[in-house]
Amino acid sequence: MTLTSYPEGRMSAEGEVTEILGHKNDPGIDILSIIHKHGLPGEFPEEALQQAADTPETIDEKRP
């Protein structure tokens, strides 16, 4: 939301909706709003996803 006018006296502030992230009760909307608020990327880069996919699910303790 972007404020278009600030409150004066008894007048309320006015604003314009700039993006709809979802319904306030949607699962995960709280996390999405924090990501958006702080300008964080919403998805991991492809390189990070590939590295995660290449990582074994268990650790071999005998491996140096």
PDB file of N, CA and C in Angstrom:
ATOM      1  N   MET A   1       0.844  -1.161   0.000  1.00  0.00           N
ATOM      2  CA  MET A   1       0.000   0.000   0.000  1.00  0.00           C
ATOM      3  C   MET A   1       0.893   1.228   0.000  1.00  0.00           C
ATOM      4  N   THR A   2       0.482   2.220  -0.760  1.00  0.00           N
ATOM      5  CA  THR A   2       1.181   3.494  -0.812  1.00  0.00           C
ATOM      6  C   THR A   2       0.248   4.573  -0.299  1.00  0.00           C
ATOM      7  N   LEU A   3       0.732   5.364   0.660  1.00  0.00           N
ATOM      8  CA  LEU A   3      -0.086   6.469   1.154  1.00  0.00           C
ATOM      9  C   LEU A   3      -0.175   7.552   0.090  1.00  0.00           C
ATOM     10  N   THR A   4      -1.398   8.018  -0.168  1.00  0.00           N
ATOM     11  CA  THR A   4      -1.589   9.098  -1.139  1.00  0.00           C
ATOM     12  C   THR A   4      -1.874  10.420  -0.445  1.00  0.00           C
ATOM     13  N   SER A   5      -2.368  10.365   0.790  1.00  0.00           N
ATOM     14  CA  SER A   5      -2.531  11.590   1.581  1.00  0.00           C
ATOM     15  C   SER A   5      -2.426  11.239   3.059  1.00  0.00           C
ATOM     16  N   TYR A   6      -1.789  12.104   3.794  1.00  0.00           N
ATOM     17  CA  TYR A   6      -1.588  11.897   5.226  1.00  0.00           C
ATOM     18  C   TYR A   6      -2.746  12.515   5.989  1.00  0.00           C
ATOM     19  N   PRO A   7      -3.014  12.003   7.194  1.00  0.00           N
ATOM     20  CA  PRO A   7      -4.138  12.537   7.965  1.00  0.00           C
ATOM     21  C   PRO A   7      -3.906  13.990   8.374  1.00  0.00           C
ATOM     22  N   GLU A   8      -4.971  14.758   8.299  1.00  0.00           N
ATOM     23  CA  GLU A   8      -4.943  16.154   8.745  1.00  0.00           C
ATOM     24  C   GLU A   8      -6.165  16.373   9.615  1.00  0.00           C
ATOM     25  N   GLY A   9      -5.950  16.877  10.813  1.00  0.00           N
ATOM     26  CA  GLY A   9      -7.076  17.116  11.704  1.00  0.00           C
ATOM     27  C   GLY A   9      -7.857  15.840  11.941  1.00  0.00           C
ATOM     28  N   ARG A  10      -9.140  15.860  11.539  1.00  0.00           N
ATOM     29  CA  ARG A  10      -9.992  14.675  11.728  1.00  0.00           C
ATOM     30  C   ARG A  10     -10.070  13.815  10.466  1.00  0.00           C
ATOM     31  N   MET A  11      -9.346  14.178   9.449  1.00  0.00           N
ATOM     32  CA  MET A  11      -9.352  13.416   8.193  1.00  0.00           C
ATOM     33  C   MET A  11      -8.435  12.191   8.327  1.00  0.00           C
ATOM     34  N   SER A  12      -8.864  11.080   7.773  1.00  0.00           N
ATOM     35  CA  SER A  12      -8.069   9.850   7.795  1.00  0.00           C
ATOM     36  C   SER A  12      -7.027   9.871   6.690  1.00  0.00           C
ATOM     37  N   ALA A  13      -6.016   9.058   6.862  1.00  0.00           N
ATOM     38  CA  ALA A  13      -5.041   8.872   5.793  1.00  0.00           C
ATOM     39  C   ALA A  13      -5.718   8.123   4.647  1.00  0.00           C
ATOM     40  N   GLU A  14      -5.231   8.338   3.435  1.00  0.00           N
ATOM     41  CA  GLU A  14      -5.733   7.614   2.271  1.00  0.00           C
ATOM     42  C   GLU A  14      -4.561   6.928   1.598  1.00  0.00           C
ATOM     43  N   GLY A  15      -4.848   5.809   0.968  1.00  0.00           N
ATOM     44  CA  GLY A  15      -3.793   5.065   0.312  1.00  0.00           C
ATOM     45  C   GLY A  15      -4.294   4.326  -0.905  1.00  0.00           C
ATOM     46  N   GLU A  16      -3.349   3.747  -1.606  1.00  0.00           N
ATOM     47  CA  GLU A  16      -3.640   3.008  -2.835  1.00  0.00           C
ATOM     48  C   GLU A  16      -3.005   1.626  -2.718  1.00  0.00           C
ATOM     49  N   VAL A  17      -3.777   0.595  -3.017  1.00  0.00           N
ATOM     50  CA  VAL A  17      -3.253  -0.769  -2.987  1.00  0.00           C
ATOM     51  C   VAL A  17      -2.324  -0.938  -4.179  1.00  0.00           C
ATOM     52  N   THR A  18      -1.071  -1.328  -3.910  1.00  0.00           N
ATOM     53  CA  THR A  18      -0.104  -1.490  -4.989  1.00  0.00           C
ATOM     54  C   THR A  18       0.125  -2.949  -5.363  1.00  0.00           C
ATOM     55  N   GLU A  19      -0.172  -3.867  -4.423  1.00  0.00           N
ATOM     56  CA  GLU A  19      -0.010  -5.291  -4.714  1.00  0.00           C
ATOM     57  C   GLU A  19      -0.839  -6.099  -3.724  1.00  0.00           C
ATOM     58  N   ILE A  20      -1.468  -7.145  -4.210  1.00  0.00           N
ATOM     59  CA  ILE A  20      -2.233  -8.046  -3.355  1.00  0.00           C
ATOM     60  C   ILE A  20      -1.415  -9.325  -3.206  1.00  0.00           C
ATOM     61  N   LEU A  21      -1.029  -9.624  -1.973  1.00  0.00           N
ATOM     62  CA  LEU A  21      -0.211 -10.804  -1.711  1.00  0.00           C
ATOM     63  C   LEU A  21      -1.057 -12.040  -1.472  1.00  0.00           C
ATOM     64  N   GLY A  22      -2.297 -11.857  -1.041  1.00  0.00           N
ATOM     65  CA  GLY A  22      -3.187 -12.971  -0.749  1.00  0.00           C
ATOM     66  C   GLY A  22      -4.128 -12.594   0.375  1.00  0.00           C
ATOM     67  N   HIS A  23      -4.979 -13.529   0.751  1.00  0.00           N
ATOM     68  CA  HIS A  23      -5.924 -13.311   1.850  1.00  0.00           C
ATOM     69  C   HIS A  23      -5.177 -13.406   3.177  1.00  0.00           C
ATOM     70  N   LYS A  24      -5.574 -12.602   4.143  1.00  0.00           N
ATOM     71  CA  LYS A  24      -4.863 -12.564   5.428  1.00  0.00           C
ATOM     72  C   LYS A  24      -4.840 -13.903   6.148  1.00  0.00           C
ATOM     73  N   ASN A  25      -5.749 -14.815   5.832  1.00  0.00           N
ATOM     74  CA  ASN A  25      -5.786 -16.131   6.476  1.00  0.00           C
ATOM     75  C   ASN A  25      -5.130 -17.231   5.645  1.00  0.00           C
ATOM     76  N   ASP A  26      -4.578 -16.890   4.481  1.00  0.00           N
ATOM     77  CA  ASP A  26      -3.907 -17.893   3.656  1.00  0.00           C
ATOM     78  C   ASP A  26      -2.691 -18.444   4.394  1.00  0.00           C
ATOM     79  N   PRO A  27      -2.452 -19.761   4.300  1.00  0.00           N
ATOM     80  CA  PRO A  27      -1.247 -20.324   4.916  1.00  0.00           C
ATOM     81  C   PRO A  27       0.006 -19.704   4.296  1.00  0.00           C
ATOM     82  N   GLY A  28       0.937 -19.279   5.127  1.00  0.00           N
ATOM     83  CA  GLY A  28       2.197 -18.727   4.643  1.00  0.00           C
ATOM     84  C   GLY A  28       2.165 -17.256   4.289  1.00  0.00           C
ATOM     85  N   ILE A  29       1.003 -16.612   4.376  1.00  0.00           N
ATOM     86  CA  ILE A  29       0.916 -15.200   3.985  1.00  0.00           C
ATOM     87  C   ILE A  29       1.733 -14.319   4.917  1.00  0.00           C
ATOM     88  N   ASP A  30       1.879 -14.726   6.183  1.00  0.00           N
ATOM     89  CA  ASP A  30       2.686 -13.943   7.114  1.00  0.00           C
ATOM     90  C   ASP A  30       4.147 -13.920   6.678  1.00  0.00           C
ATOM     91  N   ILE A  31       4.663 -15.073   6.266  1.00  0.00           N
ATOM     92  CA  ILE A  31       6.042 -15.153   5.791  1.00  0.00           C
ATOM     93  C   ILE A  31       6.192 -14.368   4.493  1.00  0.00           C
ATOM     94  N   LEU A  32       5.244 -14.509   3.582  1.00  0.00           N
ATOM     95  CA  LEU A  32       5.284 -13.788   2.313  1.00  0.00           C
ATOM     96  C   LEU A  32       5.295 -12.279   2.535  1.00  0.00           C
ATOM     97  N   SER A  33       4.516 -11.799   3.489  1.00  0.00           N
ATOM     98  CA  SER A  33       4.480 -10.359   3.748  1.00  0.00           C
ATOM     99  C   SER A  33       5.808  -9.872   4.322  1.00  0.00           C
ATOM    100  N   ILE A  34       6.464 -10.679   5.154  1.00  0.00           N
ATOM    101  CA  ILE A  34       7.777 -10.307   5.695  1.00  0.00           C
ATOM    102  C   ILE A  34       8.816 -10.280   4.583  1.00  0.00           C
ATOM    103  N   ILE A  35       8.794 -11.280   3.715  1.00  0.00           N
ATOM    104  CA  ILE A  35       9.711 -11.323   2.569  1.00  0.00           C
ATOM    105  C   ILE A  35       9.536 -10.074   1.717  1.00  0.00           C
ATOM    106  N   HIS A  36       8.292  -9.733   1.427  1.00  0.00           N
ATOM    107  CA  HIS A  36       7.995  -8.568   0.595  1.00  0.00           C
ATOM    108  C   HIS A  36       8.414  -7.272   1.287  1.00  0.00           C
ATOM    109  N   LYS A  37       8.121  -7.167   2.567  1.00  0.00           N
ATOM    110  CA  LYS A  37       8.434  -5.951   3.336  1.00  0.00           C
ATOM    111  C   LYS A  37       9.927  -5.643   3.323  1.00  0.00           C
ATOM    112  N   HIS A  38      10.752  -6.696   3.387  1.00  0.00           N
ATOM    113  CA  HIS A  38      12.194  -6.508   3.471  1.00  0.00           C
ATOM    114  C   HIS A  38      12.901  -6.629   2.118  1.00  0.00           C
ATOM    115  N   GLY A  39      12.129  -6.762   1.049  1.00  0.00           N
ATOM    116  CA  GLY A  39      12.711  -6.811  -0.291  1.00  0.00           C
ATOM    117  C   GLY A  39      13.547  -8.053  -0.558  1.00  0.00           C
ATOM    118  N   LEU A  40      13.208  -9.152   0.098  1.00  0.00           N
ATOM    119  CA  LEU A  40      13.950 -10.392  -0.095  1.00  0.00           C
ATOM    120  C   LEU A  40      13.414 -11.143  -1.310  1.00  0.00           C
ATOM    121  N   PRO A  41      14.266 -11.959  -1.947  1.00  0.00           N
ATOM    122  CA  PRO A  41      13.765 -12.743  -3.079  1.00  0.00           C
ATOM    123  C   PRO A  41      12.772 -13.793  -2.594  1.00  0.00           C
ATOM    124  N   GLY A  42      11.762 -14.054  -3.380  1.00  0.00           N
ATOM    125  CA  GLY A  42      10.729 -15.014  -3.007  1.00  0.00           C
ATOM    126  C   GLY A  42      11.104 -16.451  -3.290  1.00  0.00           C
ATOM    127  N   GLU A  43      12.152 -16.654  -4.074  1.00  0.00           N
ATOM    128  CA  GLU A  43      12.592 -18.004  -4.424  1.00  0.00           C
ATOM    129  C   GLU A  43      14.107 -18.072  -4.350  1.00  0.00           C
ATOM    130  N   PHE A  44      14.618 -19.293  -4.158  1.00  0.00           N
ATOM    131  CA  PHE A  44      16.058 -19.482  -4.146  1.00  0.00           C
ATOM    132  C   PHE A  44      16.590 -19.458  -5.578  1.00  0.00           C
ATOM    133  N   PRO A  45      17.837 -18.995  -5.769  1.00  0.00           N
ATOM    134  CA  PRO A  45      18.446 -19.043  -7.100  1.00  0.00           C
ATOM    135  C   PRO A  45      18.611 -20.498  -7.553  1.00  0.00           C
ATOM    136  N   GLU A  46      18.627 -20.719  -8.847  1.00  0.00           N
ATOM    137  CA  GLU A  46      18.751 -22.064  -9.407  1.00  0.00           C
ATOM    138  C   GLU A  46      20.004 -22.768  -8.894  1.00  0.00           C
ATOM    139  N   GLU A  47      21.100 -22.038  -8.759  1.00  0.00           N
ATOM    140  CA  GLU A  47      22.355 -22.625  -8.269  1.00  0.00           C
ATOM    141  C   GLU A  47      22.176 -23.199  -6.854  1.00  0.00           C
ATOM    142  N   ALA A  48      21.470 -22.485  -5.994  1.00  0.00           N
ATOM    143  CA  ALA A  48      21.229 -22.961  -4.626  1.00  0.00           C
ATOM    144  C   ALA A  48      20.327 -24.190  -4.634  1.00  0.00           C
ATOM    145  N   LEU A  49      19.310 -24.192  -5.487  1.00  0.00           N
ATOM    146  CA  LEU A  49      18.416 -25.346  -5.586  1.00  0.00           C
ATOM    147  C   LEU A  49      19.167 -26.581  -6.072  1.00  0.00           C
ATOM    148  N   GLN A  50      20.068 -26.386  -7.038  1.00  0.00           N
ATOM    149  CA  GLN A  50      20.846 -27.508  -7.565  1.00  0.00           C
ATOM    150  C   GLN A  50      21.798 -28.041  -6.502  1.00  0.00           C
ATOM    151  N   GLN A  51      22.434 -27.139  -5.758  1.00  0.00           N
ATOM    152  CA  GLN A  51      23.344 -27.567  -4.702  1.00  0.00           C
ATOM    153  C   GLN A  51      22.591 -28.361  -3.632  1.00  0.00           C
ATOM    154  N   ALA A  52      21.405 -27.926  -3.283  1.00  0.00           N
ATOM    155  CA  ALA A  52      20.591 -28.649  -2.299  1.00  0.00           C
ATOM    156  C   ALA A  52      20.198 -30.024  -2.836  1.00  0.00           C
ATOM    157  N   ALA A  53      19.862 -30.093  -4.120  1.00  0.00           N
ATOM    158  CA  ALA A  53      19.480 -31.369  -4.729  1.00  0.00           C
ATOM    159  C   ALA A  53      20.664 -32.336  -4.766  1.00  0.00           C
ATOM    160  N   ASP A  54      21.877 -31.810  -4.920  1.00  0.00           N
ATOM    161  CA  ASP A  54      23.079 -32.641  -4.990  1.00  0.00           C
ATOM    162  C   ASP A  54      23.589 -33.071  -3.615  1.00  0.00           C
ATOM    163  N   THR A  55      23.073 -32.506  -2.553  1.00  0.00           N
ATOM    164  CA  THR A  55      23.522 -32.823  -1.196  1.00  0.00           C
ATOM    165  C   THR A  55      22.875 -34.127  -0.740  1.00  0.00           C
ATOM    166  N   PRO A  56      23.689 -35.073  -0.242  1.00  0.00           N
ATOM    167  CA  PRO A  56      23.103 -36.338   0.218  1.00  0.00           C
ATOM    168  C   PRO A  56      22.201 -36.121   1.431  1.00  0.00           C
ATOM    169  N   GLU A  57      21.220 -37.002   1.568  1.00  0.00           N
ATOM    170  CA  GLU A  57      20.283 -36.878   2.687  1.00  0.00           C
ATOM    171  C   GLU A  57      20.882 -37.386   3.991  1.00  0.00           C
ATOM    172  N   THR A  58      21.878 -38.256   3.903  1.00  0.00           N
ATOM    173  CA  THR A  58      22.554 -38.743   5.102  1.00  0.00           C
ATOM    174  C   THR A  58      24.042 -38.443   4.983  1.00  0.00           C
ATOM    175  N   ILE A  59      24.706 -38.373   6.121  1.00  0.00           N
ATOM    176  CA  ILE A  59      26.139 -38.081   6.143  1.00  0.00           C
ATOM    177  C   ILE A  59      26.884 -39.364   6.480  1.00  0.00           C
ATOM    178  N   ASP A  60      27.863 -39.699   5.651  1.00  0.00           N
ATOM    179  CA  ASP A  60      28.703 -40.862   5.894  1.00  0.00           C
ATOM    180  C   ASP A  60      29.802 -40.443   6.870  1.00  0.00           C
ATOM    181  N   GLU A  61      29.755 -40.969   8.099  1.00  0.00           N
ATOM    182  CA  GLU A  61      30.712 -40.552   9.121  1.00  0.00           C
ATOM    183  C   GLU A  61      32.123 -41.048   8.822  1.00  0.00           C
ATOM    184  N   LYS A  62      32.277 -42.043   7.961  1.00  0.00           N
ATOM    185  CA  LYS A  62      33.597 -42.564   7.611  1.00  0.00           C
ATOM    186  C   LYS A  62      34.265 -41.703   6.551  1.00  0.00           C
ATOM    187  N   ARG A  63      33.522 -40.856   5.928  1.00  0.00           N
ATOM    188  CA  ARG A  63      34.047 -40.004   4.853  1.00  0.00           C
ATOM    189  C   ARG A  63      34.915 -38.901   5.459  1.00  0.00           C
ATOM    190  N   PRO A  64      36.120 -38.697   4.891  1.00  0.00           N
ATOM    191  CA  PRO A  64      37.014 -37.661   5.446  1.00  0.00           C
ATOM    192  C   PRO A  64      36.486 -36.264   5.265  1.00  0.00           C
TER     193      PRO A  64
END
